[in-house]
Amino acid sequence: MNLAKVLGRVVSTQKESSLDGLKLLMLGITGPDGKPTGGSVVAVDAVGAGEGEYVLYASGSSARQTVTTDGKPVDAVVMAIVDSWDIGGKERYRKGDD
């Protein structure tokens, strides 16, 4: 799993039919401090995430192991919305405090 922040949506009117109805999100990959690493990825949203939220996403073959993405040609999927995280007993992020 990887940590990222939802930057926005990706809209595609022409796509493989098995992707119809799936929401695509543009994610900015972040480090444990929540700061952008400079990388980005487009991922299928399996949990209803929104812009500005921190999420966990999986990529590669793991991305096709959710109910939403099973058997679909995807390489990344958002599978959790982050409520908080801490490192070494120190809280680094709490949803709603940002």
PDB file of N, CA and C in Angstrom:
ATOM      1  N   MET A   1       0.842  -1.183   0.000  1.00  0.00           N
ATOM      2  CA  MET A   1       0.000   0.000   0.000  1.00  0.00           C
ATOM      3  C   MET A   1       0.880   1.236   0.000  1.00  0.00           C
ATOM      4  N   ASN A   2       0.343   2.292  -0.580  1.00  0.00           N
ATOM      5  CA  ASN A   2       1.061   3.551  -0.691  1.00  0.00           C
ATOM      6  C   ASN A   2       0.170   4.691  -0.228  1.00  0.00           C
ATOM      7  N   LEU A   3       0.798   5.750   0.268  1.00  0.00           N
ATOM      8  CA  LEU A   3       0.087   6.920   0.748  1.00  0.00           C
ATOM      9  C   LEU A   3       0.069   7.986  -0.339  1.00  0.00           C
ATOM     10  N   ALA A   4      -1.084   8.623  -0.531  1.00  0.00           N
ATOM     11  CA  ALA A   4      -1.209   9.677  -1.541  1.00  0.00           C
ATOM     12  C   ALA A   4      -2.309  10.645  -1.126  1.00  0.00           C
ATOM     13  N   LYS A   5      -2.312  11.803  -1.789  1.00  0.00           N
ATOM     14  CA  LYS A   5      -3.365  12.797  -1.590  1.00  0.00           C
ATOM     15  C   LYS A   5      -4.131  12.934  -2.900  1.00  0.00           C
ATOM     16  N   VAL A   6      -5.452  12.961  -2.803  1.00  0.00           N
ATOM     17  CA  VAL A   6      -6.281  13.106  -4.001  1.00  0.00           C
ATOM     18  C   VAL A   6      -6.160  14.540  -4.508  1.00  0.00           C
ATOM     19  N   LEU A   7      -5.664  14.664  -5.744  1.00  0.00           N
ATOM     20  CA  LEU A   7      -5.494  15.976  -6.363  1.00  0.00           C
ATOM     21  C   LEU A   7      -6.725  16.390  -7.153  1.00  0.00           C
ATOM     22  N   GLY A   8      -7.462  15.423  -7.676  1.00  0.00           N
ATOM     23  CA  GLY A   8      -8.645  15.724  -8.468  1.00  0.00           C
ATOM     24  C   GLY A   8      -9.125  14.503  -9.219  1.00  0.00           C
ATOM     25  N   ARG A   9     -10.064  14.719 -10.137  1.00  0.00           N
ATOM     26  CA  ARG A   9     -10.644  13.637 -10.933  1.00  0.00           C
ATOM     27  C   ARG A   9     -10.058  13.616 -12.329  1.00  0.00           C
ATOM     28  N   VAL A  10     -10.105  12.446 -12.938  1.00  0.00           N
ATOM     29  CA  VAL A  10      -9.733  12.286 -14.336  1.00  0.00           C
ATOM     30  C   VAL A  10     -10.983  11.831 -15.067  1.00  0.00           C
ATOM     31  N   VAL A  11     -11.357  12.534 -16.134  1.00  0.00           N
ATOM     32  CA  VAL A  11     -12.556  12.196 -16.900  1.00  0.00           C
ATOM     33  C   VAL A  11     -12.128  11.655 -18.256  1.00  0.00           C
ATOM     34  N   SER A  12     -12.706  10.520 -18.617  1.00  0.00           N
ATOM     35  CA  SER A  12     -12.412   9.892 -19.902  1.00  0.00           C
ATOM     36  C   SER A  12     -13.718   9.365 -20.481  1.00  0.00           C
ATOM     37  N   THR A  13     -14.165   9.960 -21.573  1.00  0.00           N
ATOM     38  CA  THR A  13     -15.425   9.526 -22.168  1.00  0.00           C
ATOM     39  C   THR A  13     -15.252   8.298 -23.047  1.00  0.00           C
ATOM     40  N   GLN A  14     -14.056   8.078 -23.555  1.00  0.00           N
ATOM     41  CA  GLN A  14     -13.774   6.899 -24.378  1.00  0.00           C
ATOM     42  C   GLN A  14     -12.803   6.011 -23.625  1.00  0.00           C
ATOM     43  N   LYS A  15     -13.247   4.806 -23.282  1.00  0.00           N
ATOM     44  CA  LYS A  15     -12.385   3.886 -22.545  1.00  0.00           C
ATOM     45  C   LYS A  15     -12.880   2.463 -22.724  1.00  0.00           C
ATOM     46  N   GLU A  16     -12.081   1.518 -22.308  1.00  0.00           N
ATOM     47  CA  GLU A  16     -12.443   0.103 -22.304  1.00  0.00           C
ATOM     48  C   GLU A  16     -13.771  -0.037 -21.568  1.00  0.00           C
ATOM     49  N   SER A  17     -14.706  -0.781 -22.143  1.00  0.00           N
ATOM     50  CA  SER A  17     -16.067  -0.862 -21.593  1.00  0.00           C
ATOM     51  C   SER A  17     -16.120  -1.409 -20.167  1.00  0.00           C
ATOM     52  N   SER A  18     -15.154  -2.231 -19.770  1.00  0.00           N
ATOM     53  CA  SER A  18     -15.171  -2.756 -18.393  1.00  0.00           C
ATOM     54  C   SER A  18     -14.846  -1.664 -17.372  1.00  0.00           C
ATOM     55  N   LEU A  19     -14.397  -0.504 -17.835  1.00  0.00           N
ATOM     56  CA  LEU A  19     -14.114   0.619 -16.935  1.00  0.00           C
ATOM     57  C   LEU A  19     -15.280   1.599 -16.827  1.00  0.00           C
ATOM     58  N   ASP A  20     -16.345   1.368 -17.614  1.00  0.00           N
ATOM     59  CA  ASP A  20     -17.514   2.250 -17.553  1.00  0.00           C
ATOM     60  C   ASP A  20     -18.060   2.304 -16.127  1.00  0.00           C
ATOM     61  N   GLY A  21     -18.354   3.505 -15.679  1.00  0.00           N
ATOM     62  CA  GLY A  21     -18.934   3.686 -14.348  1.00  0.00           C
ATOM     63  C   GLY A  21     -17.924   3.801 -13.224  1.00  0.00           C
ATOM     64  N   LEU A  22     -16.640   3.597 -13.511  1.00  0.00           N
ATOM     65  CA  LEU A  22     -15.625   3.704 -12.467  1.00  0.00           C
ATOM     66  C   LEU A  22     -15.095   5.137 -12.400  1.00  0.00           C
ATOM     67  N   LYS A  23     -14.952   5.668 -11.185  1.00  0.00           N
ATOM     68  CA  LYS A  23     -14.407   7.003 -10.981  1.00  0.00           C
ATOM     69  C   LYS A  23     -12.887   6.914 -10.966  1.00  0.00           C
ATOM     70  N   LEU A  24     -12.245   7.787 -11.732  1.00  0.00           N
ATOM     71  CA  LEU A  24     -10.788   7.837 -11.791  1.00  0.00           C
ATOM     72  C   LEU A  24     -10.296   9.065 -11.043  1.00  0.00           C
ATOM     73  N   LEU A  25      -9.270   8.879 -10.226  1.00  0.00           N
ATOM     74  CA  LEU A  25      -8.707   9.976  -9.440  1.00  0.00           C
ATOM     75  C   LEU A  25      -7.240  10.189  -9.779  1.00  0.00           C
ATOM     76  N   MET A  26      -6.812  11.442  -9.774  1.00  0.00           N
ATOM     77  CA  MET A  26      -5.403  11.781  -9.896  1.00  0.00           C
ATOM     78  C   MET A  26      -4.853  11.900  -8.485  1.00  0.00           C
ATOM     79  N   LEU A  27      -3.835  11.102  -8.184  1.00  0.00           N
ATOM     80  CA  LEU A  27      -3.238  11.079  -6.853  1.00  0.00           C
ATOM     81  C   LEU A  27      -1.836  11.648  -6.896  1.00  0.00           C
ATOM     82  N   GLY A  28      -1.499  12.425  -5.890  1.00  0.00           N
ATOM     83  CA  GLY A  28      -0.132  12.890  -5.688  1.00  0.00           C
ATOM     84  C   GLY A  28       0.487  12.037  -4.600  1.00  0.00           C
ATOM     85  N   ILE A  29       1.517  11.303  -4.938  1.00  0.00           N
ATOM     86  CA  ILE A  29       2.160  10.404  -3.974  1.00  0.00           C
ATOM     87  C   ILE A  29       2.856  11.237  -2.903  1.00  0.00           C
ATOM     88  N   THR A  30       2.722  10.829  -1.641  1.00  0.00           N
ATOM     89  CA  THR A  30       3.308  11.573  -0.528  1.00  0.00           C
ATOM     90  C   THR A  30       4.218  10.682   0.298  1.00  0.00           C
ATOM     91  N   GLY A  31       5.082  11.336   1.041  1.00  0.00           N
ATOM     92  CA  GLY A  31       5.932  10.641   2.001  1.00  0.00           C
ATOM     93  C   GLY A  31       5.225  10.559   3.343  1.00  0.00           C
ATOM     94  N   PRO A  32       5.889   9.981   4.348  1.00  0.00           N
ATOM     95  CA  PRO A  32       5.269   9.825   5.664  1.00  0.00           C
ATOM     96  C   PRO A  32       4.975  11.142   6.370  1.00  0.00           C
ATOM     97  N   ASP A  33       5.594  12.226   5.898  1.00  0.00           N
ATOM     98  CA  ASP A  33       5.319  13.543   6.462  1.00  0.00           C
ATOM     99  C   ASP A  33       4.144  14.229   5.780  1.00  0.00           C
ATOM    100  N   GLY A  34       3.553  13.563   4.755  1.00  0.00           N
ATOM    101  CA  GLY A  34       2.431  14.117   4.022  1.00  0.00           C
ATOM    102  C   GLY A  34       2.834  15.053   2.903  1.00  0.00           C
ATOM    103  N   LYS A  35       4.129  15.254   2.724  1.00  0.00           N
ATOM    104  CA  LYS A  35       4.609  16.145   1.662  1.00  0.00           C
ATOM    105  C   LYS A  35       4.738  15.386   0.348  1.00  0.00           C
ATOM    106  N   PRO A  36       4.430  16.040  -0.761  1.00  0.00           N
ATOM    107  CA  PRO A  36       4.507  15.387  -2.068  1.00  0.00           C
ATOM    108  C   PRO A  36       5.922  14.908  -2.382  1.00  0.00           C
ATOM    109  N   THR A  37       6.007  13.745  -3.004  1.00  0.00           N
ATOM    110  CA  THR A  37       7.304  13.217  -3.432  1.00  0.00           C
ATOM    111  C   THR A  37       7.609  13.620  -4.864  1.00  0.00           C
ATOM    112  N   GLY A  38       6.639  14.160  -5.557  1.00  0.00           N
ATOM    113  CA  GLY A  38       6.802  14.539  -6.948  1.00  0.00           C
ATOM    114  C   GLY A  38       6.182  13.546  -7.910  1.00  0.00           C
ATOM    115  N   GLY A  39       5.821  12.374  -7.421  1.00  0.00           N
ATOM    116  CA  GLY A  39       5.188  11.369  -8.268  1.00  0.00           C
ATOM    117  C   GLY A  39       3.678  11.503  -8.268  1.00  0.00           C
ATOM    118  N   SER A  40       3.059  10.946  -9.286  1.00  0.00           N
ATOM    119  CA  SER A  40       1.597  10.936  -9.355  1.00  0.00           C
ATOM    120  C   SER A  40       1.142   9.648 -10.022  1.00  0.00           C
ATOM    121  N   VAL A  41      -0.134   9.343  -9.832  1.00  0.00           N
ATOM    122  CA  VAL A  41      -0.716   8.134 -10.415  1.00  0.00           C
ATOM    123  C   VAL A  41      -2.214   8.354 -10.583  1.00  0.00           C
ATOM    124  N   VAL A  42      -2.781   7.743 -11.614  1.00  0.00           N
ATOM    125  CA  VAL A  42      -4.234   7.723 -11.788  1.00  0.00           C
ATOM    126  C   VAL A  42      -4.720   6.395 -11.237  1.00  0.00           C
ATOM    127  N   ALA A  43      -5.749   6.444 -10.397  1.00  0.00           N
ATOM    128  CA  ALA A  43      -6.250   5.231  -9.752  1.00  0.00           C
ATOM    129  C   ALA A  43      -7.769   5.181  -9.803  1.00  0.00           C
ATOM    130  N   VAL A  44      -8.302   3.982  -9.853  1.00  0.00           N
ATOM    131  CA  VAL A  44      -9.742   3.768  -9.736  1.00  0.00           C
ATOM    132  C   VAL A  44     -10.113   3.964  -8.269  1.00  0.00           C
ATOM    133  N   ASP A  45     -11.221   4.637  -8.023  1.00  0.00           N
ATOM    134  CA  ASP A  45     -11.690   4.887  -6.659  1.00  0.00           C
ATOM    135  C   ASP A  45     -12.677   3.805  -6.245  1.00  0.00           C
ATOM    136  N   ALA A  46     -12.306   3.001  -5.253  1.00  0.00           N
ATOM    137  CA  ALA A  46     -13.183   1.937  -4.770  1.00  0.00           C
ATOM    138  C   ALA A  46     -13.886   2.305  -3.462  1.00  0.00           C
ATOM    139  N   VAL A  47     -13.616   3.520  -2.923  1.00  0.00           N
ATOM    140  CA  VAL A  47     -14.139   3.853  -1.600  1.00  0.00           C
ATOM    141  C   VAL A  47     -14.845   5.207  -1.500  1.00  0.00           C
ATOM    142  N   GLY A  48     -14.957   5.955  -2.589  1.00  0.00           N
ATOM    143  CA  GLY A  48     -15.642   7.241  -2.544  1.00  0.00           C
ATOM    144  C   GLY A  48     -14.795   8.375  -2.007  1.00  0.00           C
ATOM    145  N   ALA A  49     -13.516   8.380  -2.316  1.00  0.00           N
ATOM    146  CA  ALA A  49     -12.611   9.437  -1.853  1.00  0.00           C
ATOM    147  C   ALA A  49     -12.876  10.733  -2.610  1.00  0.00           C
ATOM    148  N   GLY A  50     -12.488  11.835  -1.977  1.00  0.00           N
ATOM    149  CA  GLY A  50     -12.683  13.137  -2.597  1.00  0.00           C
ATOM    150  C   GLY A  50     -11.411  13.955  -2.616  1.00  0.00           C
ATOM    151  N   GLU A  51     -11.436  15.010  -3.390  1.00  0.00           N
ATOM    152  CA  GLU A  51     -10.280  15.886  -3.537  1.00  0.00           C
ATOM    153  C   GLU A  51      -9.808  16.392  -2.174  1.00  0.00           C
ATOM    154  N   GLY A  52      -8.489  16.357  -1.976  1.00  0.00           N
ATOM    155  CA  GLY A  52      -7.890  16.839  -0.735  1.00  0.00           C
ATOM    156  C   GLY A  52      -7.719  15.777   0.339  1.00  0.00           C
ATOM    157  N   GLU A  53      -8.339  14.625   0.168  1.00  0.00           N
ATOM    158  CA  GLU A  53      -8.213  13.565   1.177  1.00  0.00           C
ATOM    159  C   GLU A  53      -6.934  12.759   0.963  1.00  0.00           C
ATOM    160  N   TYR A  54      -6.384  12.287   2.074  1.00  0.00           N
ATOM    161  CA  TYR A  54      -5.278  11.340   2.004  1.00  0.00           C
ATOM    162  C   TYR A  54      -5.877   9.943   1.886  1.00  0.00           C
ATOM    163  N   VAL A  55      -5.254   9.133   1.053  1.00  0.00           N
ATOM    164  CA  VAL A  55      -5.769   7.792   0.790  1.00  0.00           C
ATOM    165  C   VAL A  55      -4.618   6.782   0.758  1.00  0.00           C
ATOM    166  N   LEU A  56      -4.997   5.521   0.858  1.00  0.00           N
ATOM    167  CA  LEU A  56      -4.066   4.423   0.613  1.00  0.00           C
ATOM    168  C   LEU A  56      -4.453   3.804  -0.712  1.00  0.00           C
ATOM    169  N   TYR A  57      -3.453   3.536  -1.543  1.00  0.00           N
ATOM    170  CA  TYR A  57      -3.741   2.898  -2.816  1.00  0.00           C
ATOM    171  C   TYR A  57      -2.788   1.734  -3.023  1.00  0.00           C
ATOM    172  N   ALA A  58      -3.244   0.787  -3.804  1.00  0.00           N
ATOM    173  CA  ALA A  58      -2.423  -0.360  -4.190  1.00  0.00           C
ATOM    174  C   ALA A  58      -2.193  -0.291  -5.684  1.00  0.00           C
ATOM    175  N   SER A  59      -1.081  -0.841  -6.121  1.00  0.00           N
ATOM    176  CA  SER A  59      -0.792  -0.846  -7.549  1.00  0.00           C
ATOM    177  C   SER A  59      -0.327  -2.229  -7.982  1.00  0.00           C
ATOM    178  N   GLY A  60      -0.250  -2.408  -9.283  1.00  0.00           N
ATOM    179  CA  GLY A  60       0.136  -3.704  -9.830  1.00  0.00           C
ATOM    180  C   GLY A  60      -0.999  -4.706  -9.705  1.00  0.00           C
ATOM    181  N   SER A  61      -0.666  -5.972  -9.599  1.00  0.00           N
ATOM    182  CA  SER A  61      -1.698  -7.013  -9.553  1.00  0.00           C
ATOM    183  C   SER A  61      -2.603  -6.871  -8.330  1.00  0.00           C
ATOM    184  N   SER A  62      -2.117  -6.272  -7.255  1.00  0.00           N
ATOM    185  CA  SER A  62      -2.949  -6.053  -6.063  1.00  0.00           C
ATOM    186  C   SER A  62      -4.120  -5.127  -6.354  1.00  0.00           C
ATOM    187  N   ALA A  63      -3.975  -4.262  -7.346  1.00  0.00           N
ATOM    188  CA  ALA A  63      -5.033  -3.311  -7.691  1.00  0.00           C
ATOM    189  C   ALA A  63      -6.264  -4.009  -8.266  1.00  0.00           C
ATOM    190  N   ARG A  64      -6.112  -5.229  -8.699  1.00  0.00           N
ATOM    191  CA  ARG A  64      -7.241  -5.955  -9.282  1.00  0.00           C
ATOM    192  C   ARG A  64      -7.876  -6.921  -8.275  1.00  0.00           C
ATOM    193  N   GLN A  65      -7.614  -6.724  -6.996  1.00  0.00           N
ATOM    194  CA  GLN A  65      -8.127  -7.637  -5.980  1.00  0.00           C
ATOM    195  C   GLN A  65      -9.204  -7.027  -5.106  1.00  0.00           C
ATOM    196  N   THR A  66      -9.838  -5.939  -5.555  1.00  0.00           N
ATOM    197  CA  THR A  66     -10.986  -5.398  -4.823  1.00  0.00           C
ATOM    198  C   THR A  66     -12.257  -5.808  -5.553  1.00  0.00           C
ATOM    199  N   VAL A  67     -13.376  -5.699  -4.895  1.00  0.00           N
ATOM    200  CA  VAL A  67     -14.660  -6.016  -5.519  1.00  0.00           C
ATOM    201  C   VAL A  67     -14.874  -5.120  -6.739  1.00  0.00           C
ATOM    202  N   THR A  68     -14.501  -3.849  -6.630  1.00  0.00           N
ATOM    203  CA  THR A  68     -14.697  -2.879  -7.704  1.00  0.00           C
ATOM    204  C   THR A  68     -13.836  -3.164  -8.926  1.00  0.00           C
ATOM    205  N   THR A  69     -12.626  -3.660  -8.711  1.00  0.00           N
ATOM    206  CA  THR A  69     -11.665  -3.790  -9.808  1.00  0.00           C
ATOM    207  C   THR A  69     -11.398  -5.226 -10.259  1.00  0.00           C
ATOM    208  N   ASP A  70     -12.060  -6.189  -9.663  1.00  0.00           N
ATOM    209  CA  ASP A  70     -11.817  -7.594  -9.996  1.00  0.00           C
ATOM    210  C   ASP A  70     -11.987  -7.842 -11.495  1.00  0.00           C
ATOM    211  N   GLY A  71     -10.947  -8.351 -12.124  1.00  0.00           N
ATOM    212  CA  GLY A  71     -11.003  -8.691 -13.537  1.00  0.00           C
ATOM    213  C   GLY A  71     -10.957  -7.508 -14.493  1.00  0.00           C
ATOM    214  N   LYS A  72     -10.648  -6.321 -13.966  1.00  0.00           N
ATOM    215  CA  LYS A  72     -10.610  -5.127 -14.809  1.00  0.00           C
ATOM    216  C   LYS A  72      -9.153  -4.721 -15.079  1.00  0.00           C
ATOM    217  N   PRO A  73      -8.899  -4.065 -16.209  1.00  0.00           N
ATOM    218  CA  PRO A  73      -7.533  -3.693 -16.575  1.00  0.00           C
ATOM    219  C   PRO A  73      -7.057  -2.425 -15.858  1.00  0.00           C
ATOM    220  N   VAL A  74      -6.854  -2.526 -14.542  1.00  0.00           N
ATOM    221  CA  VAL A  74      -6.394  -1.376 -13.769  1.00  0.00           C
ATOM    222  C   VAL A  74      -5.047  -1.684 -13.125  1.00  0.00           C
ATOM    223  N   ASP A  75      -4.274  -0.631 -12.916  1.00  0.00           N
ATOM    224  CA  ASP A  75      -2.959  -0.790 -12.309  1.00  0.00           C
ATOM    225  C   ASP A  75      -2.855  -0.095 -10.955  1.00  0.00           C
ATOM    226  N   ALA A  76      -3.904   0.669 -10.575  1.00  0.00           N
ATOM    227  CA  ALA A  76      -3.905   1.332  -9.268  1.00  0.00           C
ATOM    228  C   ALA A  76      -5.339   1.495  -8.796  1.00  0.00           C
ATOM    229  N   VAL A  77      -5.553   1.301  -7.485  1.00  0.00           N
ATOM    230  CA  VAL A  77      -6.886   1.438  -6.901  1.00  0.00           C
ATOM    231  C   VAL A  77      -6.786   2.079  -5.524  1.00  0.00           C
ATOM    232  N   VAL A  78      -7.658   3.065  -5.273  1.00  0.00           N
ATOM    233  CA  VAL A  78      -7.790   3.647  -3.939  1.00  0.00           C
ATOM    234  C   VAL A  78      -8.665   2.703  -3.143  1.00  0.00           C
ATOM    235  N   MET A  79      -8.146   2.225  -2.003  1.00  0.00           N
ATOM    236  CA  MET A  79      -8.887   1.243  -1.224  1.00  0.00           C
ATOM    237  C   MET A  79      -9.122   1.657   0.223  1.00  0.00           C
ATOM    238  N   ALA A  80      -8.651   2.850   0.605  1.00  0.00           N
ATOM    239  CA  ALA A  80      -8.899   3.331   1.965  1.00  0.00           C
ATOM    240  C   ALA A  80      -8.732   4.844   2.011  1.00  0.00           C
ATOM    241  N   ILE A  81      -9.559   5.484   2.831  1.00  0.00           N
ATOM    242  CA  ILE A  81      -9.418   6.910   3.117  1.00  0.00           C
ATOM    243  C   ILE A  81      -8.774   7.006   4.494  1.00  0.00           C
ATOM    244  N   VAL A  82      -7.705   7.768   4.596  1.00  0.00           N
ATOM    245  CA  VAL A  82      -6.925   7.853   5.836  1.00  0.00           C
ATOM    246  C   VAL A  82      -7.587   8.819   6.809  1.00  0.00           C
ATOM    247  N   ASP A  83      -7.784   8.360   8.049  1.00  0.00           N
ATOM    248  CA  ASP A  83      -8.304   9.219   9.113  1.00  0.00           C
ATOM    249  C   ASP A  83      -7.177   9.875   9.898  1.00  0.00           C
ATOM    250  N   SER A  84      -6.100   9.127  10.120  1.00  0.00           N
ATOM    251  CA  SER A  84      -4.952   9.673  10.848  1.00  0.00           C
ATOM    252  C   SER A  84      -3.769   8.743  10.674  1.00  0.00           C
ATOM    253  N   TRP A  85      -2.586   9.272  10.992  1.00  0.00           N
ATOM    254  CA  TRP A  85      -1.409   8.413  11.108  1.00  0.00           C
ATOM    255  C   TRP A  85      -0.443   9.033  12.093  1.00  0.00           C
ATOM    256  N   ASP A  86       0.337   8.154  12.709  1.00  0.00           N
ATOM    257  CA  ASP A  86       1.371   8.614  13.621  1.00  0.00           C
ATOM    258  C   ASP A  86       2.655   7.857  13.338  1.00  0.00           C
ATOM    259  N   ILE A  87       3.752   8.478  13.709  1.00  0.00           N
ATOM    260  CA  ILE A  87       5.069   7.875  13.547  1.00  0.00           C
ATOM    261  C   ILE A  87       5.805   8.056  14.859  1.00  0.00           C
ATOM    262  N   GLY A  88       6.276   6.955  15.419  1.00  0.00           N
ATOM    263  CA  GLY A  88       7.012   7.021  16.683  1.00  0.00           C
ATOM    264  C   GLY A  88       6.198   7.611  17.806  1.00  0.00           C
ATOM    265  N   GLY A  89       4.898   7.356  17.813  1.00  0.00           N
ATOM    266  CA  GLY A  89       4.031   7.856  18.869  1.00  0.00           C
ATOM    267  C   GLY A  89       3.605   9.309  18.693  1.00  0.00           C
ATOM    268  N   LYS A  90       4.076   9.964  17.631  1.00  0.00           N
ATOM    269  CA  LYS A  90       3.703  11.355  17.388  1.00  0.00           C
ATOM    270  C   LYS A  90       2.727  11.418  16.225  1.00  0.00           C
ATOM    271  N   GLU A  91       1.561  12.001  16.489  1.00  0.00           N
ATOM    272  CA  GLU A  91       0.569  12.121  15.431  1.00  0.00           C
ATOM    273  C   GLU A  91       1.070  13.071  14.359  1.00  0.00           C
ATOM    274  N   ARG A  92       1.033  12.606  13.103  1.00  0.00           N
ATOM    275  CA  ARG A  92       1.506  13.403  11.982  1.00  0.00           C
ATOM    276  C   ARG A  92       0.353  13.992  11.181  1.00  0.00           C
ATOM    277  N   TYR A  93      -0.804  13.331  11.237  1.00  0.00           N
ATOM    278  CA  TYR A  93      -1.961  13.810  10.486  1.00  0.00           C
ATOM    279  C   TYR A  93      -3.234  13.303  11.130  1.00  0.00           C
ATOM    280  N   ARG A  94      -4.248  14.158  11.176  1.00  0.00           N
ATOM    281  CA  ARG A  94      -5.605  13.786  11.586  1.00  0.00           C
ATOM    282  C   ARG A  94      -6.557  14.490  10.647  1.00  0.00           C
ATOM    283  N   LYS A  95      -7.462  13.703  10.046  1.00  0.00           N
ATOM    284  CA  LYS A  95      -8.435  14.256   9.108  1.00  0.00           C
ATOM    285  C   LYS A  95      -9.253  15.328   9.789  1.00  0.00           C
ATOM    286  N   GLY A  96      -9.420  16.454   9.095  1.00  0.00           N
ATOM    287  CA  GLY A  96     -10.177  17.564   9.645  1.00  0.00           C
ATOM    288  C   GLY A  96      -9.311  18.619  10.305  1.00  0.00           C
ATOM    289  N   ASP A  97      -8.052  18.274  10.622  1.00  0.00           N
ATOM    290  CA  ASP A  97      -7.142  19.241  11.241  1.00  0.00           C
ATOM    291  C   ASP A  97      -6.304  19.978  10.213  1.00  0.00           C
ATOM    292  N   ASP A  98      -6.470  19.613   8.925  1.00  0.00           N
ATOM    293  CA  ASP A  98      -5.615  20.239   7.899  1.00  0.00           C
ATOM    294  C   ASP A  98      -6.244  21.435   7.264  1.00  0.00           C
TER     295      ASP A  98
END
